[in-house]
Amino acid sequence: MDHLTAPTLSEILDEPIIVALMKRDGMTAETLRQLLDQVGRNLRDREEQLAA
Protein backbone atom coordinates (compact mmCIF):
# COMPACT_ATOMS: atom_id res chain seq x y z
CA MET A 1 0.00 0.00 0.00
CA ASP A 2 1.34 3.43 -0.97
CA HIS A 3 1.18 5.68 2.11
CA LEU A 4 0.84 8.80 -0.05
CA THR A 5 -2.59 7.82 -1.36
CA ALA A 6 -5.73 6.52 0.27
CA PRO A 7 -5.95 2.74 0.35
CA THR A 8 -8.25 1.00 -2.07
CA LEU A 9 -11.22 -0.98 -0.84
CA SER A 10 -9.39 -4.17 -1.78
CA GLU A 11 -6.38 -3.14 0.27
CA ILE A 12 -8.58 -2.36 3.27
CA LEU A 13 -10.46 -5.64 2.99
CA ASP A 14 -7.16 -7.54 2.82
CA GLU A 15 -5.91 -6.11 6.13
CA PRO A 16 -5.66 -8.93 8.70
CA ILE A 17 -7.63 -7.03 11.37
CA ILE A 18 -10.45 -6.33 8.89
CA VAL A 19 -10.50 -9.97 7.81
CA ALA A 20 -10.71 -11.03 11.46
CA LEU A 21 -13.51 -8.57 12.25
CA MET A 22 -15.53 -9.58 9.19
CA LYS A 23 -15.09 -13.26 10.07
CA ARG A 24 -16.21 -12.60 13.65
CA ASP A 25 -19.28 -10.73 12.37
CA GLY A 26 -20.14 -13.31 9.72
CA MET A 27 -19.51 -10.83 6.90
CA THR A 28 -17.76 -11.64 3.65
CA ALA A 29 -15.84 -9.22 1.47
CA GLU A 30 -18.27 -9.92 -1.38
CA THR A 31 -21.31 -9.13 0.77
CA LEU A 32 -19.70 -5.91 1.95
CA ARG A 33 -18.86 -4.92 -1.64
CA GLN A 34 -22.47 -5.55 -2.67
CA LEU A 35 -23.72 -3.44 0.23
CA LEU A 36 -21.39 -0.58 -0.66
CA ASP A 37 -22.41 -0.77 -4.33
CA GLN A 38 -26.08 -0.56 -3.33
CA VAL A 39 -25.43 2.40 -1.02
CA GLY A 40 -23.58 4.17 -3.86
CA ARG A 41 -26.47 3.55 -6.27
CA ASN A 42 -28.97 4.83 -3.71
CA LEU A 43 -26.94 8.00 -3.14
CA ARG A 44 -26.63 8.65 -6.88
CA ASP A 45 -30.36 8.11 -7.35
CA ARG A 46 -31.14 10.49 -4.52
CA GLU A 47 -28.79 13.17 -5.90
CA GLU A 48 -30.46 12.86 -9.31
CA GLN A 49 -33.92 13.20 -7.74
CA LEU A 50 -32.87 16.29 -5.80
CA ALA A 51 -31.32 17.87 -8.89
CA ALA A 52 -34.48 17.37 -10.96
PDB file of N, CA and C in Angstrom:
ATOM      1  N   MET A   1       0.843  -1.172   0.000  1.00  0.00           N
ATOM      2  CA  MET A   1       0.000   0.000   0.000  1.00  0.00           C
ATOM      3  C   MET A   1       0.889   1.236   0.000  1.00  0.00           C
ATOM      4  N   ASP A   2       0.602   2.167  -0.884  1.00  0.00           N
ATOM      5  CA  ASP A   2       1.337   3.427  -0.972  1.00  0.00           C
ATOM      6  C   ASP A   2       0.793   4.370   0.101  1.00  0.00           C
ATOM      7  N   HIS A   3       1.643   4.844   0.999  1.00  0.00           N
ATOM      8  CA  HIS A   3       1.182   5.682   2.107  1.00  0.00           C
ATOM      9  C   HIS A   3       0.908   7.123   1.682  1.00  0.00           C
ATOM     10  N   LEU A   4       1.124   7.459   0.420  1.00  0.00           N
ATOM     11  CA  LEU A   4       0.842   8.805  -0.052  1.00  0.00           C
ATOM     12  C   LEU A   4      -0.564   8.923  -0.627  1.00  0.00           C
ATOM     13  N   THR A   5      -1.221   7.813  -0.833  1.00  0.00           N
ATOM     14  CA  THR A   5      -2.587   7.820  -1.359  1.00  0.00           C
ATOM     15  C   THR A   5      -3.494   7.024  -0.422  1.00  0.00           C
ATOM     16  N   ALA A   6      -4.770   7.270  -0.544  1.00  0.00           N
ATOM     17  CA  ALA A   6      -5.734   6.520   0.271  1.00  0.00           C
ATOM     18  C   ALA A   6      -5.740   5.070  -0.191  1.00  0.00           C
ATOM     19  N   PRO A   7      -5.912   4.153   0.741  1.00  0.00           N
ATOM     20  CA  PRO A   7      -5.951   2.740   0.354  1.00  0.00           C
ATOM     21  C   PRO A   7      -7.208   2.432  -0.450  1.00  0.00           C
ATOM     22  N   THR A   8      -7.099   1.448  -1.314  1.00  0.00           N
ATOM     23  CA  THR A   8      -8.255   1.000  -2.074  1.00  0.00           C
ATOM     24  C   THR A   8      -9.121   0.124  -1.174  1.00  0.00           C
ATOM     25  N   LEU A   9     -10.345  -0.099  -1.602  1.00  0.00           N
ATOM     26  CA  LEU A   9     -11.223  -0.980  -0.840  1.00  0.00           C
ATOM     27  C   LEU A   9     -10.607  -2.371  -0.726  1.00  0.00           C
ATOM     28  N   SER A  10     -10.026  -2.855  -1.806  1.00  0.00           N
ATOM     29  CA  SER A  10      -9.388  -4.173  -1.779  1.00  0.00           C
ATOM     30  C   SER A  10      -8.254  -4.226  -0.762  1.00  0.00           C
ATOM     31  N   GLU A  11      -7.465  -3.171  -0.705  1.00  0.00           N
ATOM     32  CA  GLU A  11      -6.378  -3.135   0.274  1.00  0.00           C
ATOM     33  C   GLU A  11      -6.913  -3.138   1.700  1.00  0.00           C
ATOM     34  N   ILE A  12      -7.978  -2.399   1.931  1.00  0.00           N
ATOM     35  CA  ILE A  12      -8.576  -2.358   3.267  1.00  0.00           C
ATOM     36  C   ILE A  12      -9.123  -3.731   3.641  1.00  0.00           C
ATOM     37  N   LEU A  13      -9.843  -4.343   2.699  1.00  0.00           N
ATOM     38  CA  LEU A  13     -10.459  -5.637   2.986  1.00  0.00           C
ATOM     39  C   LEU A  13      -9.432  -6.752   3.152  1.00  0.00           C
ATOM     40  N   ASP A  14      -8.221  -6.549   2.675  1.00  0.00           N
ATOM     41  CA  ASP A  14      -7.155  -7.542   2.823  1.00  0.00           C
ATOM     42  C   ASP A  14      -6.378  -7.395   4.128  1.00  0.00           C
ATOM     43  N   GLU A  15      -6.619  -6.316   4.867  1.00  0.00           N
ATOM     44  CA  GLU A  15      -5.909  -6.112   6.134  1.00  0.00           C
ATOM     45  C   GLU A  15      -6.318  -7.209   7.124  1.00  0.00           C
ATOM     46  N   PRO A  16      -5.350  -7.824   7.785  1.00  0.00           N
ATOM     47  CA  PRO A  16      -5.663  -8.931   8.704  1.00  0.00           C
ATOM     48  C   PRO A  16      -6.707  -8.582   9.772  1.00  0.00           C
ATOM     49  N   ILE A  17      -6.661  -7.381  10.332  1.00  0.00           N
ATOM     50  CA  ILE A  17      -7.631  -7.026  11.369  1.00  0.00           C
ATOM     51  C   ILE A  17      -9.035  -6.932  10.784  1.00  0.00           C
ATOM     52  N   ILE A  18      -9.146  -6.436   9.563  1.00  0.00           N
ATOM     53  CA  ILE A  18     -10.449  -6.330   8.895  1.00  0.00           C
ATOM     54  C   ILE A  18     -10.979  -7.723   8.577  1.00  0.00           C
ATOM     55  N   VAL A  19     -10.103  -8.589   8.090  1.00  0.00           N
ATOM     56  CA  VAL A  19     -10.496  -9.974   7.806  1.00  0.00           C
ATOM     57  C   VAL A  19     -11.009 -10.631   9.082  1.00  0.00           C
ATOM     58  N   ALA A  20     -10.313 -10.428  10.196  1.00  0.00           N
ATOM     59  CA  ALA A  20     -10.714 -11.034  11.463  1.00  0.00           C
ATOM     60  C   ALA A  20     -12.056 -10.479  11.945  1.00  0.00           C
ATOM     61  N   LEU A  21     -12.250  -9.172  11.832  1.00  0.00           N
ATOM     62  CA  LEU A  21     -13.513  -8.573  12.254  1.00  0.00           C
ATOM     63  C   LEU A  21     -14.675  -9.048  11.392  1.00  0.00           C
ATOM     64  N   MET A  22     -14.463  -9.112  10.080  1.00  0.00           N
ATOM     65  CA  MET A  22     -15.529  -9.583   9.190  1.00  0.00           C
ATOM     66  C   MET A  22     -15.871 -11.036   9.505  1.00  0.00           C
ATOM     67  N   LYS A  23     -14.852 -11.851   9.743  1.00  0.00           N
ATOM     68  CA  LYS A  23     -15.092 -13.260  10.073  1.00  0.00           C
ATOM     69  C   LYS A  23     -15.890 -13.368  11.368  1.00  0.00           C
ATOM     70  N   ARG A  24     -15.500 -12.586  12.357  1.00  0.00           N
ATOM     71  CA  ARG A  24     -16.207 -12.601  13.645  1.00  0.00           C
ATOM     72  C   ARG A  24     -17.675 -12.212  13.468  1.00  0.00           C
ATOM     73  N   ASP A  25     -17.922 -11.244  12.584  1.00  0.00           N
ATOM     74  CA  ASP A  25     -19.277 -10.729  12.371  1.00  0.00           C
ATOM     75  C   ASP A  25     -20.059 -11.505  11.324  1.00  0.00           C
ATOM     76  N   GLY A  26     -19.449 -12.524  10.730  1.00  0.00           N
ATOM     77  CA  GLY A  26     -20.141 -13.313   9.723  1.00  0.00           C
ATOM     78  C   GLY A  26     -20.320 -12.575   8.406  1.00  0.00           C
ATOM     79  N   MET A  27     -19.433 -11.641   8.122  1.00  0.00           N
ATOM     80  CA  MET A  27     -19.507 -10.834   6.903  1.00  0.00           C
ATOM     81  C   MET A  27     -18.425 -11.298   5.935  1.00  0.00           C
ATOM     82  N   THR A  28     -18.768 -11.329   4.658  1.00  0.00           N
ATOM     83  CA  THR A  28     -17.761 -11.644   3.650  1.00  0.00           C
ATOM     84  C   THR A  28     -17.411 -10.374   2.893  1.00  0.00           C
ATOM     85  N   ALA A  29     -16.258 -10.365   2.271  1.00  0.00           N
ATOM     86  CA  ALA A  29     -15.840  -9.215   1.472  1.00  0.00           C
ATOM     87  C   ALA A  29     -16.832  -8.988   0.333  1.00  0.00           C
ATOM     88  N   GLU A  30     -17.317 -10.052  -0.266  1.00  0.00           N
ATOM     89  CA  GLU A  30     -18.266  -9.916  -1.380  1.00  0.00           C
ATOM     90  C   GLU A  30     -19.576  -9.293  -0.912  1.00  0.00           C
ATOM     91  N   THR A  31     -20.077  -9.709   0.229  1.00  0.00           N
ATOM     92  CA  THR A  31     -21.312  -9.134   0.766  1.00  0.00           C
ATOM     93  C   THR A  31     -21.118  -7.651   1.074  1.00  0.00           C
ATOM     94  N   LEU A  32     -19.984  -7.305   1.640  1.00  0.00           N
ATOM     95  CA  LEU A  32     -19.702  -5.906   1.948  1.00  0.00           C
ATOM     96  C   LEU A  32     -19.598  -5.082   0.667  1.00  0.00           C
ATOM     97  N   ARG A  33     -18.946  -5.624  -0.357  1.00  0.00           N
ATOM     98  CA  ARG A  33     -18.856  -4.919  -1.645  1.00  0.00           C
ATOM     99  C   ARG A  33     -20.246  -4.686  -2.231  1.00  0.00           C
ATOM    100  N   GLN A  34     -21.109  -5.696  -2.154  1.00  0.00           N
ATOM    101  CA  GLN A  34     -22.466  -5.552  -2.673  1.00  0.00           C
ATOM    102  C   GLN A  34     -23.230  -4.473  -1.904  1.00  0.00           C
ATOM    103  N   LEU A  35     -23.073  -4.458  -0.593  1.00  0.00           N
ATOM    104  CA  LEU A  35     -23.720  -3.439   0.228  1.00  0.00           C
ATOM    105  C   LEU A  35     -23.242  -2.046  -0.157  1.00  0.00           C
ATOM    106  N   LEU A  36     -21.940  -1.880  -0.300  1.00  0.00           N
ATOM    107  CA  LEU A  36     -21.390  -0.577  -0.661  1.00  0.00           C
ATOM    108  C   LEU A  36     -21.828  -0.145  -2.059  1.00  0.00           C
ATOM    109  N   ASP A  37     -21.904  -1.088  -2.993  1.00  0.00           N
ATOM    110  CA  ASP A  37     -22.408  -0.774  -4.331  1.00  0.00           C
ATOM    111  C   ASP A  37     -23.847  -0.279  -4.264  1.00  0.00           C
ATOM    112  N   GLN A  38     -24.680  -0.953  -3.462  1.00  0.00           N
ATOM    113  CA  GLN A  38     -26.081  -0.556  -3.325  1.00  0.00           C
ATOM    114  C   GLN A  38     -26.202   0.830  -2.699  1.00  0.00           C
ATOM    115  N   VAL A  39     -25.419   1.089  -1.662  1.00  0.00           N
ATOM    116  CA  VAL A  39     -25.432   2.405  -1.023  1.00  0.00           C
ATOM    117  C   VAL A  39     -25.033   3.477  -2.037  1.00  0.00           C
ATOM    118  N   GLY A  40     -24.003   3.218  -2.838  1.00  0.00           N
ATOM    119  CA  GLY A  40     -23.581   4.167  -3.857  1.00  0.00           C
ATOM    120  C   GLY A  40     -24.678   4.435  -4.869  1.00  0.00           C
ATOM    121  N   ARG A  41     -25.365   3.379  -5.320  1.00  0.00           N
ATOM    122  CA  ARG A  41     -26.474   3.555  -6.266  1.00  0.00           C
ATOM    123  C   ARG A  41     -27.590   4.376  -5.641  1.00  0.00           C
ATOM    124  N   ASN A  42     -27.915   4.084  -4.393  1.00  0.00           N
ATOM    125  CA  ASN A  42     -28.969   4.835  -3.708  1.00  0.00           C
ATOM    126  C   ASN A  42     -28.617   6.309  -3.580  1.00  0.00           C
ATOM    127  N   LEU A  43     -27.368   6.603  -3.255  1.00  0.00           N
ATOM    128  CA  LEU A  43     -26.943   8.002  -3.138  1.00  0.00           C
ATOM    129  C   LEU A  43     -27.002   8.721  -4.484  1.00  0.00           C
ATOM    130  N   ARG A  44     -26.562   8.041  -5.545  1.00  0.00           N
ATOM    131  CA  ARG A  44     -26.629   8.652  -6.880  1.00  0.00           C
ATOM    132  C   ARG A  44     -28.072   8.913  -7.293  1.00  0.00           C
ATOM    133  N   ASP A  45     -28.940   7.940  -7.027  1.00  0.00           N
ATOM    134  CA  ASP A  45     -30.359   8.113  -7.352  1.00  0.00           C
ATOM    135  C   ASP A  45     -30.951   9.287  -6.594  1.00  0.00           C
ATOM    136  N   ARG A  46     -30.611   9.394  -5.327  1.00  0.00           N
ATOM    137  CA  ARG A  46     -31.136  10.492  -4.518  1.00  0.00           C
ATOM    138  C   ARG A  46     -30.626  11.848  -5.013  1.00  0.00           C
ATOM    139  N   GLU A  47     -29.356  11.921  -5.365  1.00  0.00           N
ATOM    140  CA  GLU A  47     -28.792  13.171  -5.902  1.00  0.00           C
ATOM    141  C   GLU A  47     -29.497  13.562  -7.198  1.00  0.00           C
ATOM    142  N   GLU A  48     -29.762  12.577  -8.051  1.00  0.00           N
ATOM    143  CA  GLU A  48     -30.459  12.861  -9.313  1.00  0.00           C
ATOM    144  C   GLU A  48     -31.873  13.359  -9.039  1.00  0.00           C
ATOM    145  N   GLN A  49     -32.556  12.783  -8.068  1.00  0.00           N
ATOM    146  CA  GLN A  49     -33.920  13.204  -7.744  1.00  0.00           C
ATOM    147  C   GLN A  49     -33.918  14.616  -7.199  1.00  0.00           C
ATOM    148  N   LEU A  50     -32.952  14.953  -6.371  1.00  0.00           N
ATOM    149  CA  LEU A  50     -32.872  16.290  -5.804  1.00  0.00           C
ATOM    150  C   LEU A  50     -32.509  17.326  -6.851  1.00  0.00           C
ATOM    151  N   ALA A  51     -31.747  16.935  -7.847  1.00  0.00           N
ATOM    152  CA  ALA A  51     -31.319  17.868  -8.892  1.00  0.00           C
ATOM    153  C   ALA A  51     -32.431  18.131  -9.901  1.00  0.00           C
ATOM    154  N   ALA A  52     -33.389  17.220  -9.970  1.00  0.00           N
ATOM    155  CA  ALA A  52     -34.479  17.369 -10.956  1.00  0.00           C
ATOM    156  C   ALA A  52     -35.487  18.411 -10.556  1.00  0.00           C
TER     157      ALA A  52
END
